[in-house]
Amino acid sequence: MRDPDEELVQRVGVGDKRAAAELVRRHLPKMVGLARRMLGTHAEAEDVAQDVFLRVWKHANAWRPGQAKFETWMHRVAMNLCLDRLRRSGRQGGEISPEMPDKRASATRALDDRQRRERVRDALQRLPERQRAALVLCYYQERSNIEAAEILGVSVDALESLLSRARRSLKSALAAERADLLSGIETG
């Protein structure tokens, strides 16, 4: 199966600015979304996405069709840039801005939904970075386990182990938080 980006990457490799613009149009939202969930701020996410596309421009000739899908290669570059930023800053990750509530939902439901997203976001941010990366790639970026493993540079079995541990940790953290909330209501 031919990579849908192969021709564009080849054109970028010879300096075609229109091909580069098309790659940006196709992949910018995914790169920004990945970086925002890993780093927590939109500004940093845009910086990472810009760095990804600069590397595409500079290294398009180095990409070899058939070794990995181009999109998978881009995700790996973005993930590595995010992990490097997290390590340099000494933090586990930033805040993930909650999604906008449905305008048709009631105010109470919108508040409940926002609070639930915030609890999940906070629990996600407390995960070790490799577990968080696995969840972000598979659930938010909708990468297959094979692609996510390739992006992270681990085996599929190792990725599945990361996902399993991450889901257990999230479930445990959210259950403990729910128990704390319920006990506060009962004693209040």
Protein backbone atom coordinates (compact mmCIF):
# COMPACT_ATOMS: atom_id res chain seq x y z
CA MET A 1 0.00 0.00 0.00
CA ARG A 2 1.41 3.35 -1.03
CA ASP A 3 1.82 6.08 1.59
CA PRO A 4 -0.66 8.89 0.84
CA ASP A 5 2.05 11.49 1.62
CA GLU A 6 4.86 9.90 -0.39
CA GLU A 7 4.58 12.12 -3.47
CA LEU A 8 4.29 15.29 -1.39
CA VAL A 9 7.35 14.37 0.69
CA GLN A 10 9.36 13.72 -2.45
CA ARG A 11 8.32 17.12 -3.80
CA VAL A 12 9.24 18.78 -0.49
CA GLY A 13 12.62 17.06 -0.76
CA VAL A 14 13.35 19.05 -3.92
CA GLY A 15 12.13 22.33 -2.40
CA ASP A 16 8.48 22.46 -3.53
CA LYS A 17 6.84 25.00 -1.21
CA ARG A 18 3.33 24.12 -2.36
CA ALA A 19 3.88 20.48 -1.38
CA ALA A 20 5.15 21.64 2.01
CA ALA A 21 2.06 23.81 2.47
CA GLU A 22 -0.16 20.82 1.64
CA LEU A 23 1.62 18.64 4.21
CA VAL A 24 1.11 21.38 6.80
CA ARG A 25 -2.58 21.62 5.89
CA ARG A 26 -3.01 17.85 6.22
CA HIS A 27 -1.09 17.30 9.43
CA LEU A 28 -0.88 20.53 11.45
CA PRO A 29 -4.03 19.90 13.55
CA LYS A 30 -2.78 16.44 14.55
CA MET A 31 0.69 17.71 15.48
CA VAL A 32 -0.70 20.60 17.53
CA GLY A 33 -3.23 18.30 19.24
CA LEU A 34 -0.57 15.77 20.19
CA ALA A 35 1.76 18.44 21.57
CA ARG A 36 -1.02 20.24 23.45
CA ARG A 37 -2.04 17.06 25.24
CA MET A 38 1.56 16.23 26.11
CA LEU A 39 2.71 19.74 27.08
CA GLY A 40 -0.51 21.39 28.13
CA THR A 41 -0.17 24.79 26.50
CA HIS A 42 -1.24 25.84 23.04
CA ALA A 43 1.78 28.11 22.60
CA GLU A 44 4.24 25.28 23.27
CA ALA A 45 2.19 22.98 21.05
CA GLU A 46 2.47 25.45 18.18
CA ASP A 47 6.24 25.69 18.74
CA VAL A 48 6.56 21.90 18.59
CA ALA A 49 4.43 21.70 15.45
CA GLN A 50 6.57 24.38 13.83
CA ASP A 51 9.71 22.44 14.74
CA VAL A 52 8.19 19.26 13.26
CA PHE A 53 7.49 20.97 9.95
CA LEU A 54 10.94 22.59 9.88
CA ARG A 55 12.42 19.10 10.23
CA VAL A 56 10.15 17.87 7.46
CA TRP A 57 11.41 20.68 5.22
CA LYS A 58 15.07 20.04 6.09
CA HIS A 59 15.00 16.23 6.15
CA ALA A 60 12.38 15.22 3.58
CA ASN A 61 15.10 13.59 1.47
CA ALA A 62 16.07 11.35 4.42
CA TRP A 63 12.60 9.80 4.78
CA ARG A 64 12.43 6.39 3.12
CA PRO A 65 9.07 5.09 1.88
CA GLY A 66 8.27 1.61 3.08
CA GLN A 67 10.14 1.86 6.39
CA ALA A 68 7.37 3.80 8.15
CA LYS A 69 4.36 5.80 7.10
CA PHE A 70 5.31 9.45 6.81
CA GLU A 71 2.58 10.41 9.27
CA THR A 72 3.97 7.90 11.77
CA TRP A 73 7.44 9.42 11.35
CA MET A 74 5.99 12.90 12.00
CA HIS A 75 4.24 11.67 15.16
CA ARG A 76 7.51 10.20 16.39
CA VAL A 77 9.33 13.48 15.77
CA ALA A 78 6.59 15.42 17.58
CA MET A 79 6.54 12.99 20.51
CA ASN A 80 10.32 13.16 20.88
CA LEU A 81 10.22 16.96 20.82
CA CYS A 82 7.52 16.94 23.52
CA LEU A 83 9.40 14.49 25.72
CA ASP A 84 12.58 16.54 25.32
CA ARG A 85 10.74 19.70 26.42
CA LEU A 86 9.22 17.94 29.41
CA ARG A 87 12.61 16.59 30.51
CA ARG A 88 14.40 19.92 30.02
CA SER A 89 11.78 21.77 32.03
CA GLY A 90 11.72 19.12 34.77
CA ARG A 91 7.95 18.85 34.70
CA GLN A 92 5.62 15.99 34.03
CA GLY A 93 3.38 17.98 31.72
CA GLY A 94 1.22 21.02 31.58
CA GLU A 95 -2.47 21.55 31.71
CA ILE A 96 -4.68 20.36 28.94
CA SER A 97 -7.29 22.92 28.19
CA PRO A 98 -10.73 21.35 28.51
CA GLU A 99 -12.88 20.98 25.44
CA MET A 100 -15.60 23.54 24.92
CA PRO A 101 -18.94 22.44 26.40
CA ASP A 102 -21.87 21.81 24.10
CA LYS A 103 -23.79 25.11 23.88
CA ARG A 104 -27.06 23.20 23.83
CA ALA A 105 -26.31 21.46 27.14
CA SER A 106 -27.72 22.83 30.33
CA ALA A 107 -25.45 24.90 32.54
CA THR A 108 -25.35 22.14 35.14
CA ARG A 109 -24.46 19.47 32.62
CA ALA A 110 -21.81 21.69 31.06
CA LEU A 111 -20.29 22.28 34.50
CA ASP A 112 -20.37 18.55 35.31
CA ASP A 113 -18.78 17.72 31.95
CA ARG A 114 -16.06 20.33 32.43
CA GLN A 115 -15.29 19.10 35.94
CA ARG A 116 -15.10 15.50 34.69
CA ARG A 117 -12.71 16.51 31.89
CA GLU A 118 -10.60 18.43 34.40
CA ARG A 119 -10.39 15.40 36.71
CA VAL A 120 -9.37 13.17 33.80
CA ARG A 121 -6.89 15.81 32.60
CA ASP A 122 -5.34 16.09 36.06
CA ALA A 123 -5.11 12.31 36.44
CA LEU A 124 -3.58 12.05 32.96
CA GLN A 125 -0.97 14.65 33.84
CA ARG A 126 0.09 12.65 36.92
CA LEU A 127 0.88 9.57 34.83
CA PRO A 128 4.52 8.82 33.98
CA GLU A 129 5.34 10.42 30.65
CA ARG A 130 5.62 7.15 28.68
CA GLN A 131 2.21 5.95 29.92
CA ARG A 132 0.70 9.36 29.12
CA ALA A 133 2.33 9.28 25.67
CA ALA A 134 0.86 5.84 24.95
CA LEU A 135 -2.64 6.98 25.94
CA VAL A 136 -2.40 10.23 23.99
CA LEU A 137 -1.25 8.45 20.85
CA CYS A 138 -3.84 5.66 20.99
CA TYR A 139 -6.89 7.48 22.34
CA TYR A 140 -6.49 11.13 21.39
CA GLN A 141 -4.43 10.78 18.20
CA GLU A 142 -6.21 7.54 17.21
CA ARG A 143 -2.97 5.79 16.24
CA SER A 144 -3.05 2.01 16.06
CA ASN A 145 -1.05 0.07 18.62
CA ILE A 146 1.48 -0.77 15.91
CA GLU A 147 1.89 2.89 14.93
CA ALA A 148 2.03 4.09 18.54
CA ALA A 149 4.67 1.48 19.37
CA GLU A 150 6.72 2.58 16.39
CA ILE A 151 6.40 6.25 17.37
CA LEU A 152 7.52 5.49 20.92
CA GLY A 153 10.26 3.12 19.78
CA VAL A 154 8.92 0.16 21.76
CA SER A 155 7.45 -3.22 20.90
CA VAL A 156 3.68 -3.65 20.58
CA ASP A 157 3.77 -5.78 23.74
CA ALA A 158 5.56 -2.99 25.62
CA LEU A 159 3.02 -0.45 24.34
CA GLU A 160 0.13 -2.63 25.45
CA SER A 161 1.76 -2.93 28.86
CA LEU A 162 2.09 0.87 29.05
CA LEU A 163 -1.57 1.26 28.08
CA SER A 164 -2.69 -1.32 30.62
CA ARG A 165 -0.74 0.31 33.46
CA ALA A 166 -1.95 3.76 32.41
CA ARG A 167 -5.61 2.69 32.33
CA ARG A 168 -5.29 1.02 35.75
CA SER A 169 -3.62 4.12 37.19
CA LEU A 170 -6.27 6.42 35.73
CA LYS A 171 -9.09 4.20 36.97
CA SER A 172 -7.56 4.04 40.44
CA ALA A 173 -6.90 7.79 40.61
CA LEU A 174 -10.40 8.66 39.43
CA ALA A 175 -12.04 6.12 41.78
CA ALA A 176 -10.09 7.53 44.74
CA GLU A 177 -11.06 11.06 43.79
CA ARG A 178 -14.71 10.05 43.44
CA ALA A 179 -14.64 8.37 46.88
CA ASP A 180 -13.14 11.56 48.35
CA LEU A 181 -15.85 13.66 46.71
CA LEU A 182 -18.61 11.37 47.95
CA SER A 183 -17.26 11.29 51.50
CA GLY A 184 -17.15 15.10 51.46
CA ILE A 185 -20.84 15.20 50.49
CA GLU A 186 -21.82 12.68 53.17
CA THR A 187 -20.00 14.54 55.97
CA GLY A 188 -21.00 17.99 54.73
